[in-house]
Amino acid sequence: MIDILRDIVKHTHGLGFLDLVKIAGTSDETTIDSMAEDRSVILQGSFHKPQSEMVGTFGMPQLNKLDIHLKCPEYKDKAKISVLTGERNGASVPTGIHFENEKGDFKNDYRFMNAEIINEKLKTVKFKGVKWDVEIEPSVASVQRFNFQSIANTEHNSFVVRTEDGNLIFSFGDAASHGGEFVFANGVDGTLNKGWSWPVGQVLQILKLSDSAKVTLHFSNEGAMMVSVDSGLGKYQYIIPAQAQ
């Protein structure tokens, strides 16, 4: 259970812009949804195995609090971590998580948000899918180069993606400003030529997950990007709408 909770926090709150999560679980699958407050990123994912303790629909708010509990030294070894349940409309539903250390003298409770509230607060639209024109698995070195350029171009909150001679190129700024560009990947099939731009901070934080997970980057020339992240426990799909340049 603790591994799943850590996985959720790492792939949401850990990125810095996803602090409210919706969990929907059945005996067959457990899904996770989230969305940035500015709607710059939409997360849709699922775990490789259904989580029997997460059957029902509920919200996980204030993930910073959950993160604090998960990192607390008192719960590092032999802690008792369990999902609390309660009855609602005649059915047993998850209501929170109880943390208790081995001795039983240090405890915390993290409360879930009920289905009605999370459904109202997190009105996500299911991604119907598009034709991906470019798909690559970014290298750790390419993500590091992206990080270098973001530091050198802090005045630019977005970057433009294009293909040229089989190269996938990320560029910052324009002729009237400081700027830069670099080749993110070589030997790329497909064409991106419509000048769509994407948020630097959000994309970079997601791509940094490649140091511990399998990451695939998808681009559509019609203005969509998706970063697929397989953590080993679940698959997280971050959908990022393009910004007009």
C-alpha atoms as a PDB file:
ATOM      1  CA  MET A   1       0.000   0.000   0.000  1.00  0.00           C
ATOM      2  CA  ILE A   2       2.740   2.444   0.924  1.00  0.00           C
ATOM      3  CA  ASP A   3       4.433   1.928  -2.457  1.00  0.00           C
ATOM      4  CA  ILE A   4       1.228   2.864  -4.298  1.00  0.00           C
ATOM      5  CA  LEU A   5       0.771   5.969  -2.152  1.00  0.00           C
ATOM      6  CA  ARG A   6       4.353   7.043  -2.780  1.00  0.00           C
ATOM      7  CA  ASP A   7       3.867   6.445  -6.506  1.00  0.00           C
ATOM      8  CA  ILE A   8       0.755   8.644  -6.533  1.00  0.00           C
ATOM      9  CA  VAL A   9       2.478  11.484  -4.679  1.00  0.00           C
ATOM     10  CA  LYS A  10       5.622  11.315  -6.827  1.00  0.00           C
ATOM     11  CA  HIS A  11       3.661  11.570 -10.083  1.00  0.00           C
ATOM     12  CA  THR A  12       1.309  14.355  -8.912  1.00  0.00           C
ATOM     13  CA  HIS A  13       2.308  16.564  -5.976  1.00  0.00           C
ATOM     14  CA  GLY A  14       5.968  15.820  -6.631  1.00  0.00           C
ATOM     15  CA  LEU A  15       5.748  17.643  -9.964  1.00  0.00           C
ATOM     16  CA  GLY A  16       4.668  20.874  -8.304  1.00  0.00           C
ATOM     17  CA  PHE A  17       1.369  21.517 -10.084  1.00  0.00           C
ATOM     18  CA  LEU A  18      -1.011  18.603  -9.372  1.00  0.00           C
ATOM     19  CA  ASP A  19      -2.343  18.719  -5.804  1.00  0.00           C
ATOM     20  CA  LEU A  20      -5.795  17.176  -6.118  1.00  0.00           C
ATOM     21  CA  VAL A  21      -6.356  13.613  -7.320  1.00  0.00           C
ATOM     22  CA  LYS A  22      -9.441  11.566  -8.110  1.00  0.00           C
ATOM     23  CA  ILE A  23      -9.307   7.807  -7.613  1.00  0.00           C
ATOM     24  CA  ALA A  24     -11.925   5.518  -9.160  1.00  0.00           C
ATOM     25  CA  GLY A  25     -11.569   1.854  -8.300  1.00  0.00           C
ATOM     26  CA  THR A  26     -13.388  -1.370  -9.098  1.00  0.00           C
ATOM     27  CA  SER A  27     -12.419  -5.006  -8.671  1.00  0.00           C
ATOM     28  CA  ASP A  28     -11.003  -4.873 -12.209  1.00  0.00           C
ATOM     29  CA  GLU A  29      -9.053  -1.597 -12.320  1.00  0.00           C
ATOM     30  CA  THR A  30      -7.973   1.457 -10.364  1.00  0.00           C
ATOM     31  CA  THR A  31      -7.706   4.752 -12.240  1.00  0.00           C
ATOM     32  CA  ILE A  32      -6.270   8.122 -11.291  1.00  0.00           C
ATOM     33  CA  ASP A  33      -7.165  11.567 -12.664  1.00  0.00           C
ATOM     34  CA  SER A  34      -5.874  15.042 -11.950  1.00  0.00           C
ATOM     35  CA  MET A  35      -5.610  18.457 -13.574  1.00  0.00           C
ATOM     36  CA  ALA A  36      -3.482  21.534 -12.982  1.00  0.00           C
ATOM     37  CA  GLU A  37      -5.393  24.559 -11.684  1.00  0.00           C
ATOM     38  CA  ASP A  38      -4.556  26.489 -14.859  1.00  0.00           C
ATOM     39  CA  ARG A  39      -5.594  23.456 -16.966  1.00  0.00           C
ATOM     40  CA  SER A  40      -2.117  23.335 -18.525  1.00  0.00           C
ATOM     41  CA  VAL A  41      -1.794  19.614 -17.763  1.00  0.00           C
ATOM     42  CA  ILE A  42      -4.389  16.848 -17.544  1.00  0.00           C
ATOM     43  CA  LEU A  43      -3.422  13.533 -15.968  1.00  0.00           C
ATOM     44  CA  GLN A  44      -5.164  10.264 -16.749  1.00  0.00           C
ATOM     45  CA  GLY A  45      -3.696   7.018 -15.505  1.00  0.00           C
ATOM     46  CA  SER A  46      -4.223   3.586 -14.052  1.00  0.00           C
ATOM     47  CA  PHE A  47      -2.321   1.068 -11.973  1.00  0.00           C
ATOM     48  CA  HIS A  48      -1.070  -2.169 -13.485  1.00  0.00           C
ATOM     49  CA  LYS A  49      -2.969  -4.132 -10.839  1.00  0.00           C
ATOM     50  CA  PRO A  50      -6.335  -3.180  -9.293  1.00  0.00           C
ATOM     51  CA  GLN A  51      -5.961  -1.926  -5.727  1.00  0.00           C
ATOM     52  CA  SER A  52      -8.394  -3.832  -3.522  1.00  0.00           C
ATOM     53  CA  GLU A  53      -8.260  -1.139  -0.812  1.00  0.00           C
ATOM     54  CA  MET A  54      -9.235   1.575  -3.288  1.00  0.00           C
ATOM     55  CA  VAL A  55     -12.630   0.373  -4.493  1.00  0.00           C
ATOM     56  CA  GLY A  56     -14.976   3.318  -4.975  1.00  0.00           C
ATOM     57  CA  THR A  57     -14.629   6.931  -6.067  1.00  0.00           C
ATOM     58  CA  PHE A  58     -12.924   9.456  -3.810  1.00  0.00           C
ATOM     59  CA  GLY A  59     -10.600  12.438  -3.853  1.00  0.00           C
ATOM     60  CA  MET A  60      -7.134  12.882  -2.398  1.00  0.00           C
ATOM     61  CA  PRO A  61      -6.714  16.589  -1.506  1.00  0.00           C
ATOM     62  CA  GLN A  62      -3.752  18.411   0.040  1.00  0.00           C
ATOM     63  CA  LEU A  63      -1.240  15.861  -1.167  1.00  0.00           C
ATOM     64  CA  ASN A  64       1.475  17.805   0.625  1.00  0.00           C
ATOM     65  CA  LYS A  65       0.066  16.432   3.903  1.00  0.00           C
ATOM     66  CA  LEU A  66       0.126  12.876   2.588  1.00  0.00           C
ATOM     67  CA  ASP A  67       3.700  13.441   1.428  1.00  0.00           C
ATOM     68  CA  ILE A  68       4.691  14.563   4.943  1.00  0.00           C
ATOM     69  CA  HIS A  69       3.210  11.409   6.494  1.00  0.00           C
ATOM     70  CA  LEU A  70       4.902   9.139   3.937  1.00  0.00           C
ATOM     71  CA  LYS A  71       8.286  10.733   4.651  1.00  0.00           C
ATOM     72  CA  CYS A  72       7.907  10.738   8.432  1.00  0.00           C
ATOM     73  CA  PRO A  73      10.696   8.688  10.102  1.00  0.00           C
ATOM     74  CA  GLU A  74       8.153   7.255  12.553  1.00  0.00           C
ATOM     75  CA  TYR A  75       6.545   5.360   9.662  1.00  0.00           C
ATOM     76  CA  LYS A  76       9.754   4.213   7.993  1.00  0.00           C
ATOM     77  CA  ASP A  77       9.849   0.671   9.407  1.00  0.00           C
ATOM     78  CA  LYS A  78       7.038  -1.742  10.305  1.00  0.00           C
ATOM     79  CA  ALA A  79       4.382   0.955  10.313  1.00  0.00           C
ATOM     80  CA  LYS A  80       0.698   0.089  10.137  1.00  0.00           C
ATOM     81  CA  ILE A  81      -0.816   1.915   7.180  1.00  0.00           C
ATOM     82  CA  SER A  82      -4.416   1.105   6.341  1.00  0.00           C
ATOM     83  CA  VAL A  83      -7.333   2.523   4.382  1.00  0.00           C
ATOM     84  CA  LEU A  84     -10.263   3.578   6.554  1.00  0.00           C
ATOM     85  CA  THR A  85     -13.791   2.891   5.331  1.00  0.00           C
ATOM     86  CA  GLY A  86     -17.243   4.182   6.135  1.00  0.00           C
ATOM     87  CA  GLU A  87     -20.787   3.605   4.957  1.00  0.00           C
ATOM     88  CA  ARG A  88     -22.335   5.969   2.435  1.00  0.00           C
ATOM     89  CA  ASN A  89     -25.653   5.379   0.656  1.00  0.00           C
ATOM     90  CA  GLY A  90     -25.630   1.809   1.888  1.00  0.00           C
ATOM     91  CA  ALA A  91     -22.173   1.005   0.547  1.00  0.00           C
ATOM     92  CA  SER A  92     -18.757   0.779   2.161  1.00  0.00           C
ATOM     93  CA  VAL A  93     -16.424   3.424   0.722  1.00  0.00           C
ATOM     94  CA  PRO A  94     -12.841   4.512   1.468  1.00  0.00           C
ATOM     95  CA  THR A  95     -12.741   7.561   3.766  1.00  0.00           C
ATOM     96  CA  GLY A  96      -9.062   8.018   4.542  1.00  0.00           C
ATOM     97  CA  ILE A  97      -5.709   6.515   5.488  1.00  0.00           C
ATOM     98  CA  HIS A  98      -4.587   5.695   9.024  1.00  0.00           C
ATOM     99  CA  PHE A  99      -0.891   5.836   9.882  1.00  0.00           C
ATOM    100  CA  GLU A 100       0.445   4.220  13.039  1.00  0.00           C
ATOM    101  CA  ASN A 101       4.026   3.444  14.007  1.00  0.00           C
ATOM    102  CA  GLU A 102       5.202   0.037  15.232  1.00  0.00           C
ATOM    103  CA  LYS A 103       4.767   0.918  18.919  1.00  0.00           C
ATOM    104  CA  GLY A 104       1.332   2.424  18.399  1.00  0.00           C
ATOM    105  CA  ASP A 105       2.296   5.674  20.113  1.00  0.00           C
ATOM    106  CA  PHE A 106       2.465   7.912  17.001  1.00  0.00           C
ATOM    107  CA  LYS A 107      -0.549   8.225  14.701  1.00  0.00           C
ATOM    108  CA  ASN A 108      -1.998  10.330  11.889  1.00  0.00           C
ATOM    109  CA  ASP A 109      -5.142  10.247   9.775  1.00  0.00           C
ATOM    110  CA  TYR A 110      -5.339  11.558   6.220  1.00  0.00           C
ATOM    111  CA  ARG A 111      -8.899  12.138   5.029  1.00  0.00           C
ATOM    112  CA  PHE A 112     -10.281  11.523   1.553  1.00  0.00           C
ATOM    113  CA  MET A 113     -12.772  13.762  -0.248  1.00  0.00           C
ATOM    114  CA  ASN A 114     -16.126  12.123  -0.984  1.00  0.00           C
ATOM    115  CA  ALA A 115     -17.251  11.293  -4.515  1.00  0.00           C
ATOM    116  CA  GLU A 116     -19.733  14.169  -4.865  1.00  0.00           C
ATOM    117  CA  ILE A 117     -17.170  16.817  -3.962  1.00  0.00           C
ATOM    118  CA  ILE A 118     -14.300  15.432  -6.046  1.00  0.00           C
ATOM    119  CA  ASN A 119     -16.579  15.005  -9.070  1.00  0.00           C
ATOM    120  CA  GLU A 120     -17.562  18.667  -8.714  1.00  0.00           C
ATOM    121  CA  LYS A 121     -14.034  19.964  -8.143  1.00  0.00           C
ATOM    122  CA  LEU A 122     -12.282  17.873 -10.776  1.00  0.00           C
ATOM    123  CA  LYS A 123     -14.325  17.945 -13.942  1.00  0.00           C
ATOM    124  CA  THR A 124     -11.888  16.338 -16.327  1.00  0.00           C
ATOM    125  CA  VAL A 125     -12.636  15.629 -19.954  1.00  0.00           C
ATOM    126  CA  LYS A 126     -11.563  12.220 -21.194  1.00  0.00           C
ATOM    127  CA  PHE A 127      -8.900  12.474 -23.868  1.00  0.00           C
ATOM    128  CA  LYS A 128     -10.296  10.944 -27.053  1.00  0.00           C
ATOM    129  CA  GLY A 129      -6.905  10.500 -28.659  1.00  0.00           C
ATOM    130  CA  VAL A 130      -5.322  11.945 -31.775  1.00  0.00           C
ATOM    131  CA  LYS A 131      -2.881  10.832 -34.459  1.00  0.00           C
ATOM    132  CA  TRP A 132       0.614  11.190 -33.062  1.00  0.00           C
ATOM    133  CA  ASP A 133       3.010  12.541 -35.686  1.00  0.00           C
ATOM    134  CA  VAL A 134       6.171  12.153 -33.597  1.00  0.00           C
ATOM    135  CA  GLU A 135       6.825   9.621 -30.830  1.00  0.00           C
ATOM    136  CA  ILE A 136      10.158   9.204 -29.043  1.00  0.00           C
ATOM    137  CA  GLU A 137      11.652   7.891 -25.823  1.00  0.00           C
ATOM    138  CA  PRO A 138      13.704  10.824 -24.501  1.00  0.00           C
ATOM    139  CA  SER A 139      17.172  10.143 -23.153  1.00  0.00           C
ATOM    140  CA  VAL A 140      18.320  11.368 -19.751  1.00  0.00           C
ATOM    141  CA  ALA A 141      20.965  13.435 -21.572  1.00  0.00           C
ATOM    142  CA  SER A 142      18.311  15.180 -23.700  1.00  0.00           C
ATOM    143  CA  VAL A 143      16.274  16.045 -20.619  1.00  0.00           C
ATOM    144  CA  GLN A 144      19.415  17.487 -19.021  1.00  0.00           C
ATOM    145  CA  ARG A 145      20.057  19.621 -22.132  1.00  0.00           C
ATOM    146  CA  PHE A 146      16.452  20.839 -21.922  1.00  0.00           C
ATOM    147  CA  ASN A 147      17.090  21.787 -18.303  1.00  0.00           C
ATOM    148  CA  PHE A 148      20.229  23.750 -19.284  1.00  0.00           C
ATOM    149  CA  GLN A 149      18.250  25.728 -21.886  1.00  0.00           C
ATOM    150  CA  SER A 150      15.410  26.429 -19.445  1.00  0.00           C
ATOM    151  CA  ILE A 151      17.916  27.912 -16.982  1.00  0.00           C
ATOM    152  CA  ALA A 152      19.449  30.062 -19.725  1.00  0.00           C
ATOM    153  CA  ASN A 153      16.008  31.266 -20.864  1.00  0.00           C
ATOM    154  CA  THR A 154      14.116  31.894 -17.641  1.00  0.00           C
ATOM    155  CA  GLU A 155      12.275  34.842 -19.196  1.00  0.00           C
ATOM    156  CA  HIS A 156      10.491  32.432 -21.549  1.00  0.00           C
ATOM    157  CA  ASN A 157       7.702  30.345 -20.029  1.00  0.00           C
ATOM    158  CA  SER A 158       7.080  28.415 -23.222  1.00  0.00           C
ATOM    159  CA  PHE A 159       9.099  26.724 -25.947  1.00  0.00           C
ATOM    160  CA  VAL A 160       8.358  25.844 -29.571  1.00  0.00           C
ATOM    161  CA  VAL A 161       8.806  22.383 -31.055  1.00  0.00           C
ATOM    162  CA  ARG A 162       9.571  21.629 -34.701  1.00  0.00           C
ATOM    163  CA  THR A 163      11.167  18.950 -36.841  1.00  0.00           C
ATOM    164  CA  GLU A 164      13.952  19.689 -39.301  1.00  0.00           C
ATOM    165  CA  ASP A 165      16.034  17.186 -41.291  1.00  0.00           C
ATOM    166  CA  GLY A 166      14.997  14.348 -38.995  1.00  0.00           C
ATOM    167  CA  ASN A 167      15.794  16.304 -35.837  1.00  0.00           C
ATOM    168  CA  LEU A 168      13.339  17.254 -33.100  1.00  0.00           C
ATOM    169  CA  ILE A 169      14.208  20.830 -32.118  1.00  0.00           C
ATOM    170  CA  PHE A 170      13.137  22.795 -29.044  1.00  0.00           C
ATOM    171  CA  SER A 171      13.496  26.590 -29.307  1.00  0.00           C
ATOM    172  CA  PHE A 172      13.119  29.495 -26.879  1.00  0.00           C
ATOM    173  CA  GLY A 173      12.424  33.159 -27.655  1.00  0.00           C
ATOM    174  CA  ASP A 174      12.268  34.934 -31.005  1.00  0.00           C
ATOM    175  CA  ALA A 175      14.232  37.417 -33.122  1.00  0.00           C
ATOM    176  CA  ALA A 176      13.352  40.271 -30.750  1.00  0.00           C
ATOM    177  CA  SER A 177      14.564  38.592 -27.551  1.00  0.00           C
ATOM    178  CA  HIS A 178      17.324  36.535 -26.011  1.00  0.00           C
ATOM    179  CA  GLY A 179      16.776  32.932 -26.974  1.00  0.00           C
ATOM    180  CA  GLY A 180      18.208  29.575 -27.854  1.00  0.00           C
ATOM    181  CA  GLU A 181      17.475  26.219 -29.393  1.00  0.00           C
ATOM    182  CA  PHE A 182      18.821  22.689 -29.333  1.00  0.00           C
ATOM    183  CA  VAL A 183      18.289  19.267 -30.860  1.00  0.00           C
ATOM    184  CA  PHE A 184      16.287  17.186 -28.407  1.00  0.00           C
ATOM    185  CA  ALA A 185      16.320  14.005 -30.511  1.00  0.00           C
ATOM    186  CA  ASN A 186      17.819  12.727 -33.765  1.00  0.00           C
ATOM    187  CA  GLY A 187      16.455  10.354 -36.370  1.00  0.00           C
ATOM    188  CA  VAL A 188      12.857  11.394 -35.845  1.00  0.00           C
ATOM    189  CA  ASP A 189      10.075  10.295 -38.182  1.00  0.00           C
ATOM    190  CA  GLY A 190       7.123  12.621 -38.752  1.00  0.00           C
ATOM    191  CA  THR A 191       6.627  16.357 -39.192  1.00  0.00           C
ATOM    192  CA  LEU A 192       5.910  19.161 -36.729  1.00  0.00           C
ATOM    193  CA  ASN A 193       5.747  22.543 -38.442  1.00  0.00           C
ATOM    194  CA  LYS A 194       2.819  24.556 -37.065  1.00  0.00           C
ATOM    195  CA  GLY A 195       4.709  26.528 -34.419  1.00  0.00           C
ATOM    196  CA  TRP A 196       2.820  25.277 -31.390  1.00  0.00           C
ATOM    197  CA  SER A 197       4.361  26.153 -28.035  1.00  0.00           C
ATOM    198  CA  TRP A 198       4.323  24.324 -24.720  1.00  0.00           C
ATOM    199  CA  PRO A 199       4.847  25.270 -21.043  1.00  0.00           C
ATOM    200  CA  VAL A 200       8.505  24.842 -20.095  1.00  0.00           C
ATOM    201  CA  GLY A 201       8.151  24.190 -16.372  1.00  0.00           C
ATOM    202  CA  GLN A 202       5.443  21.560 -16.544  1.00  0.00           C
ATOM    203  CA  VAL A 203       6.942  19.617 -19.457  1.00  0.00           C
ATOM    204  CA  LEU A 204      10.414  19.632 -17.930  1.00  0.00           C
ATOM    205  CA  GLN A 205       9.210  18.384 -14.545  1.00  0.00           C
ATOM    206  CA  ILE A 206       7.356  15.491 -16.168  1.00  0.00           C
ATOM    207  CA  LEU A 207      10.316  14.571 -18.380  1.00  0.00           C
ATOM    208  CA  LYS A 208      12.600  14.464 -15.338  1.00  0.00           C
ATOM    209  CA  LEU A 209      10.676  11.352 -14.291  1.00  0.00           C
ATOM    210  CA  SER A 210      12.675   9.549 -17.004  1.00  0.00           C
ATOM    211  CA  ASP A 211      15.514   9.036 -14.527  1.00  0.00           C
ATOM    212  CA  SER A 212      13.455   6.349 -12.771  1.00  0.00           C
ATOM    213  CA  ALA A 213      10.677   5.373 -15.197  1.00  0.00           C
ATOM    214  CA  LYS A 214      10.006   4.577 -18.843  1.00  0.00           C
ATOM    215  CA  VAL A 215       8.909   7.792 -20.552  1.00  0.00           C
ATOM    216  CA  THR A 216       7.481   8.222 -24.057  1.00  0.00           C
ATOM    217  CA  LEU A 217       6.905  11.640 -25.600  1.00  0.00           C
ATOM    218  CA  HIS A 218       4.121  12.056 -28.175  1.00  0.00           C
ATOM    219  CA  PHE A 219       3.434  15.098 -30.375  1.00  0.00           C
ATOM    220  CA  SER A 220       0.577  15.862 -32.764  1.00  0.00           C
ATOM    221  CA  ASN A 221       0.978  18.532 -35.429  1.00  0.00           C
ATOM    222  CA  GLU A 222      -2.613  19.509 -34.616  1.00  0.00           C
ATOM    223  CA  GLY A 223      -1.641  20.886 -31.208  1.00  0.00           C
ATOM    224  CA  ALA A 224      -1.455  18.129 -28.627  1.00  0.00           C
ATOM    225  CA  MET A 225       1.343  16.621 -26.562  1.00  0.00           C
ATOM    226  CA  MET A 226       1.263  13.615 -24.294  1.00  0.00           C
ATOM    227  CA  VAL A 227       3.964  12.294 -21.999  1.00  0.00           C
ATOM    228  CA  SER A 228       3.418   8.647 -21.036  1.00  0.00           C
ATOM    229  CA  VAL A 229       5.202   7.518 -17.883  1.00  0.00           C
ATOM    230  CA  ASP A 230       5.363   3.881 -16.761  1.00  0.00           C
ATOM    231  CA  SER A 231       6.541   3.763 -13.156  1.00  0.00           C
ATOM    232  CA  GLY A 232       6.431  -0.011 -12.874  1.00  0.00           C
ATOM    233  CA  LEU A 233       3.351   0.235 -10.657  1.00  0.00           C
ATOM    234  CA  GLY A 234       1.179   2.291 -12.975  1.00  0.00           C
ATOM    235  CA  LYS A 235       0.953   4.193 -16.227  1.00  0.00           C
ATOM    236  CA  TYR A 236       0.481   7.957 -16.081  1.00  0.00           C
ATOM    237  CA  GLN A 237      -0.524   9.906 -19.193  1.00  0.00           C
ATOM    238  CA  TYR A 238       0.027  13.655 -19.017  1.00  0.00           C
ATOM    239  CA  ILE A 239      -1.934  15.447 -21.750  1.00  0.00           C
ATOM    240  CA  ILE A 240      -0.741  18.978 -22.476  1.00  0.00           C
ATOM    241  CA  PRO A 241      -2.739  21.239 -24.831  1.00  0.00           C
ATOM    242  CA  ALA A 242      -0.670  23.512 -27.062  1.00  0.00           C
ATOM    243  CA  GLN A 243      -0.415  27.239 -26.467  1.00  0.00           C
ATOM    244  CA  ALA A 244      -0.725  29.691 -29.345  1.00  0.00           C
ATOM    245  CA  GLN A 245       2.623  31.337 -30.050  1.00  0.00           C
END
